[in-house]
Amino acid sequence: MGRPWHRDRMQGMGEIQPTSPPCCVAADADRVGRTRHQPVLRRFRAHSGSLTRAAFLSARNDALANVAIIAAGSVTAVVVSPWPDLFVGIGIFAMNLDASRQVYVAARDERRAVFVEP
């Protein structure tokens, strides 16, 4: 029988055109705010602790994501398509997945260093 609700919902939506200016303005404002904090976080970049690693990677990923969102918004303003947003979303997901792996490895190493068997 399938999903009859899906077909009806999709027919009522029509063409959805993304709006880029609000996303660009928000991402740019966030980028400016995070740029102020970069010198402080840069000092902790080489520390091996999982919490400092997580703070640095989170700030770095947010800054890179904001630049990517601004770029996608600019492309979307010219070419009215949701594809730039989807590509940026997939890139942000991959970047955050890698950061979570790095934090997990740092936390695992910290735990092993504390619970060393005699």
N, C-alpha and C. Protein backbone atom coordinates (compact mmCIF):
# COMPACT_ATOMS: atom_id res chain seq x y z
N MET A 1 0.82 -1.19 0.00
CA MET A 1 0.00 0.00 0.00
C MET A 1 0.87 1.26 0.00
N GLY A 2 2.04 1.18 0.61
CA GLY A 2 2.93 2.34 0.55
C GLY A 2 2.59 3.39 1.60
N ARG A 3 2.96 4.60 1.30
CA ARG A 3 2.72 5.72 2.21
C ARG A 3 1.86 6.76 1.51
N PRO A 4 0.55 6.64 1.60
CA PRO A 4 -0.31 7.59 0.88
C PRO A 4 -0.16 9.02 1.41
N TRP A 5 0.14 9.18 2.69
CA TRP A 5 0.28 10.53 3.26
C TRP A 5 1.47 11.27 2.66
N HIS A 6 2.51 10.52 2.27
CA HIS A 6 3.72 11.14 1.73
C HIS A 6 3.43 11.85 0.40
N ARG A 7 2.70 11.18 -0.48
CA ARG A 7 2.40 11.76 -1.79
C ARG A 7 1.57 13.02 -1.65
N ASP A 8 0.56 13.00 -0.78
CA ASP A 8 -0.29 14.17 -0.60
C ASP A 8 0.49 15.34 0.00
N ARG A 9 1.34 15.05 0.95
CA ARG A 9 2.12 16.12 1.58
C ARG A 9 3.06 16.75 0.57
N MET A 10 3.71 15.95 -0.24
CA MET A 10 4.67 16.47 -1.21
C MET A 10 3.96 17.27 -2.32
N GLN A 11 2.76 16.87 -2.70
CA GLN A 11 2.05 17.61 -3.74
C GLN A 11 1.64 18.99 -3.27
N GLY A 12 1.36 19.15 -1.99
CA GLY A 12 0.94 20.43 -1.46
C GLY A 12 2.08 21.41 -1.24
N MET A 13 3.31 20.93 -1.25
CA MET A 13 4.43 21.80 -0.94
C MET A 13 4.88 22.63 -2.14
N GLY A 14 4.81 22.07 -3.30
CA GLY A 14 5.25 22.80 -4.48
C GLY A 14 6.75 23.03 -4.45
N GLU A 15 7.21 24.06 -5.13
CA GLU A 15 8.64 24.41 -5.14
C GLU A 15 8.97 25.22 -3.90
N ILE A 16 9.89 24.72 -3.12
CA ILE A 16 10.35 25.46 -1.96
C ILE A 16 11.66 26.13 -2.32
N GLN A 17 11.68 27.44 -2.27
CA GLN A 17 12.89 28.17 -2.59
C GLN A 17 13.56 28.63 -1.31
N PRO A 18 14.81 28.25 -1.10
CA PRO A 18 15.50 28.67 0.11
C PRO A 18 15.77 30.17 0.12
N THR A 19 15.75 30.74 1.29
CA THR A 19 16.09 32.17 1.44
C THR A 19 17.47 32.26 2.06
N SER A 20 18.38 32.91 1.37
CA SER A 20 19.76 32.94 1.84
C SER A 20 20.11 34.11 2.75
N PRO A 21 19.55 35.31 2.60
CA PRO A 21 20.02 36.43 3.43
C PRO A 21 19.95 36.20 4.94
N PRO A 22 18.87 35.65 5.51
CA PRO A 22 18.86 35.46 6.96
C PRO A 22 19.97 34.53 7.45
N CYS A 23 20.22 33.46 6.71
CA CYS A 23 21.29 32.53 7.10
C CYS A 23 22.65 33.18 7.00
N CYS A 24 22.87 33.95 5.97
CA CYS A 24 24.17 34.62 5.79
C CYS A 24 24.41 35.63 6.90
N VAL A 25 23.39 36.41 7.26
CA VAL A 25 23.55 37.42 8.30
C VAL A 25 23.83 36.75 9.65
N ALA A 26 23.09 35.70 9.97
CA ALA A 26 23.29 35.01 11.25
C ALA A 26 24.67 34.36 11.31
N ALA A 27 25.08 33.71 10.24
CA ALA A 27 26.39 33.05 10.22
C ALA A 27 27.52 34.07 10.30
N ASP A 28 27.35 35.20 9.64
CA ASP A 28 28.39 36.23 9.68
C ASP A 28 28.49 36.84 11.07
N ALA A 29 27.38 37.08 11.73
CA ALA A 29 27.41 37.61 13.09
C ALA A 29 28.08 36.63 14.04
N ASP A 30 27.78 35.36 13.89
CA ASP A 30 28.40 34.34 14.73
C ASP A 30 29.90 34.25 14.45
N ARG A 31 30.27 34.36 13.18
CA ARG A 31 31.68 34.29 12.80
C ARG A 31 32.46 35.44 13.43
N VAL A 32 31.89 36.62 13.42
CA VAL A 32 32.56 37.78 14.02
C VAL A 32 32.73 37.58 15.52
N GLY A 33 31.72 37.05 16.18
CA GLY A 33 31.82 36.80 17.62
C GLY A 33 32.87 35.75 17.95
N ARG A 34 32.94 34.72 17.16
CA ARG A 34 33.91 33.66 17.43
C ARG A 34 35.33 34.08 17.09
N THR A 35 35.49 35.01 16.18
CA THR A 35 36.82 35.48 15.83
C THR A 35 37.49 36.16 17.03
N ARG A 36 36.70 36.80 17.86
CA ARG A 36 37.25 37.43 19.07
C ARG A 36 37.85 36.40 20.02
N HIS A 37 37.27 35.19 20.06
CA HIS A 37 37.70 34.18 21.02
C HIS A 37 38.81 33.27 20.48
N GLN A 38 39.13 33.37 19.23
CA GLN A 38 40.14 32.49 18.64
C GLN A 38 41.51 32.60 19.29
N PRO A 39 42.03 33.80 19.60
CA PRO A 39 43.35 33.87 20.24
C PRO A 39 43.41 33.13 21.57
N VAL A 40 42.33 33.16 22.33
CA VAL A 40 42.30 32.46 23.61
C VAL A 40 42.32 30.95 23.39
N LEU A 41 41.51 30.48 22.47
CA LEU A 41 41.44 29.05 22.22
C LEU A 41 42.70 28.52 21.53
N ARG A 42 43.38 29.36 20.78
CA ARG A 42 44.58 28.93 20.08
C ARG A 42 45.67 28.49 21.06
N ARG A 43 45.68 29.09 22.26
CA ARG A 43 46.67 28.71 23.27
C ARG A 43 46.47 27.28 23.74
N PHE A 44 45.24 26.78 23.69
CA PHE A 44 44.94 25.44 24.17
C PHE A 44 44.94 24.39 23.07
N ARG A 45 45.30 24.76 21.88
CA ARG A 45 45.23 23.85 20.74
C ARG A 45 46.08 22.61 20.92
N ALA A 46 47.28 22.76 21.47
CA ALA A 46 48.20 21.64 21.58
C ALA A 46 47.98 20.81 22.85
N HIS A 47 47.10 21.22 23.74
CA HIS A 47 46.87 20.45 24.96
C HIS A 47 46.20 19.13 24.62
N SER A 48 46.56 18.11 25.38
CA SER A 48 46.08 16.77 25.03
C SER A 48 44.80 16.37 25.74
N GLY A 49 44.30 17.16 26.68
CA GLY A 49 43.08 16.80 27.41
C GLY A 49 41.87 16.76 26.51
N SER A 50 40.96 15.86 26.84
CA SER A 50 39.78 15.70 25.99
C SER A 50 38.86 16.92 26.05
N LEU A 51 38.75 17.57 27.21
CA LEU A 51 37.87 18.73 27.31
C LEU A 51 38.45 19.93 26.55
N THR A 52 39.75 20.15 26.65
CA THR A 52 40.34 21.25 25.90
C THR A 52 40.30 20.96 24.41
N ARG A 53 40.49 19.70 24.06
CA ARG A 53 40.40 19.30 22.65
C ARG A 53 38.99 19.54 22.13
N ALA A 54 37.99 19.18 22.93
CA ALA A 54 36.60 19.37 22.52
C ALA A 54 36.27 20.85 22.35
N ALA A 55 36.75 21.69 23.27
CA ALA A 55 36.48 23.13 23.17
C ALA A 55 37.12 23.71 21.92
N PHE A 56 38.36 23.33 21.65
CA PHE A 56 39.04 23.86 20.47
C PHE A 56 38.36 23.39 19.19
N LEU A 57 38.07 22.09 19.11
CA LEU A 57 37.45 21.56 17.89
C LEU A 57 36.05 22.14 17.68
N SER A 58 35.32 22.35 18.75
CA SER A 58 33.98 22.93 18.62
C SER A 58 34.05 24.34 18.06
N ALA A 59 34.96 25.14 18.59
CA ALA A 59 35.11 26.52 18.09
C ALA A 59 35.59 26.52 16.64
N ARG A 60 36.55 25.65 16.33
CA ARG A 60 37.07 25.59 14.95
C ARG A 60 35.98 25.16 13.99
N ASN A 61 35.23 24.12 14.36
CA ASN A 61 34.18 23.62 13.47
C ASN A 61 33.08 24.66 13.28
N ASP A 62 32.73 25.39 14.34
CA ASP A 62 31.71 26.43 14.20
C ASP A 62 32.17 27.53 13.26
N ALA A 63 33.44 27.92 13.39
CA ALA A 63 33.97 28.97 12.51
C ALA A 63 33.97 28.51 11.06
N LEU A 64 34.43 27.29 10.82
CA LEU A 64 34.44 26.77 9.44
C LEU A 64 33.03 26.59 8.90
N ALA A 65 32.12 26.12 9.76
CA ALA A 65 30.73 25.95 9.33
C ALA A 65 30.10 27.28 8.97
N ASN A 66 30.40 28.33 9.73
CA ASN A 66 29.84 29.65 9.42
C ASN A 66 30.33 30.16 8.07
N VAL A 67 31.61 29.97 7.78
CA VAL A 67 32.14 30.38 6.47
C VAL A 67 31.45 29.58 5.36
N ALA A 68 31.27 28.28 5.59
CA ALA A 68 30.61 27.44 4.58
C ALA A 68 29.15 27.84 4.40
N ILE A 69 28.48 28.19 5.48
CA ILE A 69 27.07 28.62 5.39
C ILE A 69 26.96 29.93 4.62
N ILE A 70 27.89 30.84 4.87
CA ILE A 70 27.88 32.11 4.12
C ILE A 70 28.10 31.84 2.64
N ALA A 71 29.05 30.95 2.32
CA ALA A 71 29.32 30.62 0.91
C ALA A 71 28.10 29.96 0.27
N ALA A 72 27.47 29.02 1.00
CA ALA A 72 26.28 28.36 0.46
C ALA A 72 25.14 29.35 0.27
N GLY A 73 25.00 30.28 1.20
CA GLY A 73 23.96 31.30 1.06
C GLY A 73 24.19 32.19 -0.14
N SER A 74 25.45 32.51 -0.39
CA SER A 74 25.77 33.33 -1.56
C SER A 74 25.47 32.58 -2.85
N VAL A 75 25.82 31.31 -2.88
CA VAL A 75 25.54 30.50 -4.08
C VAL A 75 24.03 30.33 -4.24
N THR A 76 23.33 30.11 -3.13
CA THR A 76 21.88 29.93 -3.19
C THR A 76 21.18 31.19 -3.67
N ALA A 77 21.74 32.36 -3.36
CA ALA A 77 21.13 33.61 -3.82
C ALA A 77 21.20 33.73 -5.34
N VAL A 78 22.26 33.16 -5.93
CA VAL A 78 22.42 33.24 -7.38
C VAL A 78 21.69 32.09 -8.07
N VAL A 79 21.92 30.89 -7.59
CA VAL A 79 21.30 29.69 -8.16
C VAL A 79 20.26 29.22 -7.15
N VAL A 80 19.01 29.43 -7.41
CA VAL A 80 17.97 29.08 -6.45
C VAL A 80 17.82 27.56 -6.42
N SER A 81 18.53 26.98 -5.43
CA SER A 81 18.54 25.53 -5.31
C SER A 81 18.89 25.16 -3.87
N PRO A 82 18.33 24.07 -3.37
CA PRO A 82 18.68 23.63 -2.02
C PRO A 82 20.00 22.84 -1.96
N TRP A 83 20.59 22.51 -3.10
CA TRP A 83 21.79 21.66 -3.11
C TRP A 83 22.98 22.25 -2.38
N PRO A 84 23.29 23.54 -2.51
CA PRO A 84 24.43 24.06 -1.73
C PRO A 84 24.24 23.88 -0.23
N ASP A 85 23.03 24.07 0.26
CA ASP A 85 22.75 23.88 1.69
C ASP A 85 22.94 22.42 2.09
N LEU A 86 22.50 21.51 1.23
CA LEU A 86 22.66 20.09 1.53
C LEU A 86 24.12 19.68 1.57
N PHE A 87 24.90 20.17 0.61
CA PHE A 87 26.33 19.84 0.59
C PHE A 87 27.04 20.39 1.82
N VAL A 88 26.70 21.60 2.21
CA VAL A 88 27.31 22.19 3.41
C VAL A 88 26.88 21.40 4.65
N GLY A 89 25.64 21.01 4.71
CA GLY A 89 25.17 20.21 5.85
C GLY A 89 25.89 18.88 5.96
N ILE A 90 26.10 18.22 4.84
CA ILE A 90 26.85 16.96 4.86
C ILE A 90 28.29 17.19 5.27
N GLY A 91 28.90 18.28 4.79
CA GLY A 91 30.27 18.61 5.19
C GLY A 91 30.38 18.91 6.67
N ILE A 92 29.43 19.65 7.21
CA ILE A 92 29.44 19.96 8.64
C ILE A 92 29.26 18.68 9.45
N PHE A 93 28.39 17.80 9.00
CA PHE A 93 28.20 16.52 9.69
C PHE A 93 29.49 15.72 9.71
N ALA A 94 30.17 15.63 8.58
CA ALA A 94 31.43 14.88 8.51
C ALA A 94 32.50 15.51 9.40
N MET A 95 32.58 16.83 9.40
CA MET A 95 33.57 17.53 10.21
C MET A 95 33.31 17.29 11.69
N ASN A 96 32.06 17.35 12.12
CA ASN A 96 31.72 17.10 13.52
C ASN A 96 31.90 15.64 13.91
N LEU A 97 31.65 14.75 12.98
CA LEU A 97 31.88 13.33 13.25
C LEU A 97 33.36 13.06 13.49
N ASP A 98 34.23 13.68 12.69
CA ASP A 98 35.66 13.53 12.89
C ASP A 98 36.10 14.16 14.21
N ALA A 99 35.55 15.30 14.56
CA ALA A 99 35.90 15.95 15.83
C ALA A 99 35.48 15.08 17.01
N SER A 100 34.31 14.47 16.91
CA SER A 100 33.86 13.60 18.01
C SER A 100 34.77 12.38 18.13
N ARG A 101 35.28 11.88 17.02
CA ARG A 101 36.22 10.77 17.06
C ARG A 101 37.51 11.20 17.77
N GLN A 102 38.00 12.40 17.45
CA GLN A 102 39.23 12.88 18.08
C GLN A 102 39.06 13.07 19.59
N VAL A 103 37.91 13.60 20.01
CA VAL A 103 37.66 13.78 21.43
C VAL A 103 37.54 12.43 22.12
N TYR A 104 36.88 11.48 21.47
CA TYR A 104 36.75 10.14 22.05
C TYR A 104 38.12 9.49 22.23
N VAL A 105 38.99 9.60 21.25
CA VAL A 105 40.32 9.02 21.35
C VAL A 105 41.11 9.69 22.47
N ALA A 106 41.01 11.01 22.59
CA ALA A 106 41.72 11.72 23.67
C ALA A 106 41.19 11.28 25.04
N ALA A 107 39.88 11.13 25.18
CA ALA A 107 39.29 10.69 26.44
C ALA A 107 39.68 9.26 26.75
N ARG A 108 39.70 8.41 25.75
CA ARG A 108 40.11 7.01 25.96
C ARG A 108 41.56 6.94 26.42
N ASP A 109 42.42 7.74 25.80
CA ASP A 109 43.83 7.76 26.20
C ASP A 109 44.00 8.29 27.62
N GLU A 110 43.21 9.31 27.99
CA GLU A 110 43.25 9.82 29.36
C GLU A 110 42.83 8.73 30.35
N ARG A 111 41.80 8.04 30.02
CA ARG A 111 41.30 6.98 30.90
C ARG A 111 42.33 5.88 31.05
N ARG A 112 42.96 5.49 29.97
CA ARG A 112 43.99 4.44 30.04
C ARG A 112 45.18 4.89 30.87
N ALA A 113 45.51 6.18 30.78
CA ALA A 113 46.65 6.68 31.56
C ALA A 113 46.34 6.68 33.06
N VAL A 114 45.06 6.89 33.43
CA VAL A 114 44.68 6.93 34.83
C VAL A 114 44.54 5.51 35.40
N PHE A 115 43.95 4.63 34.64
CA PHE A 115 43.70 3.27 35.11
C PHE A 115 44.72 2.28 34.55
N VAL A 116 45.98 2.55 34.84
CA VAL A 116 47.03 1.66 34.38
C VAL A 116 47.09 0.47 35.32
N GLU A 117 47.12 -0.71 34.76
CA GLU A 117 47.18 -1.91 35.58
C GLU A 117 48.61 -2.11 36.09
N PRO A 118 48.76 -2.53 37.36
CA PRO A 118 50.11 -2.72 37.91
C PRO A 118 50.83 -3.93 37.36
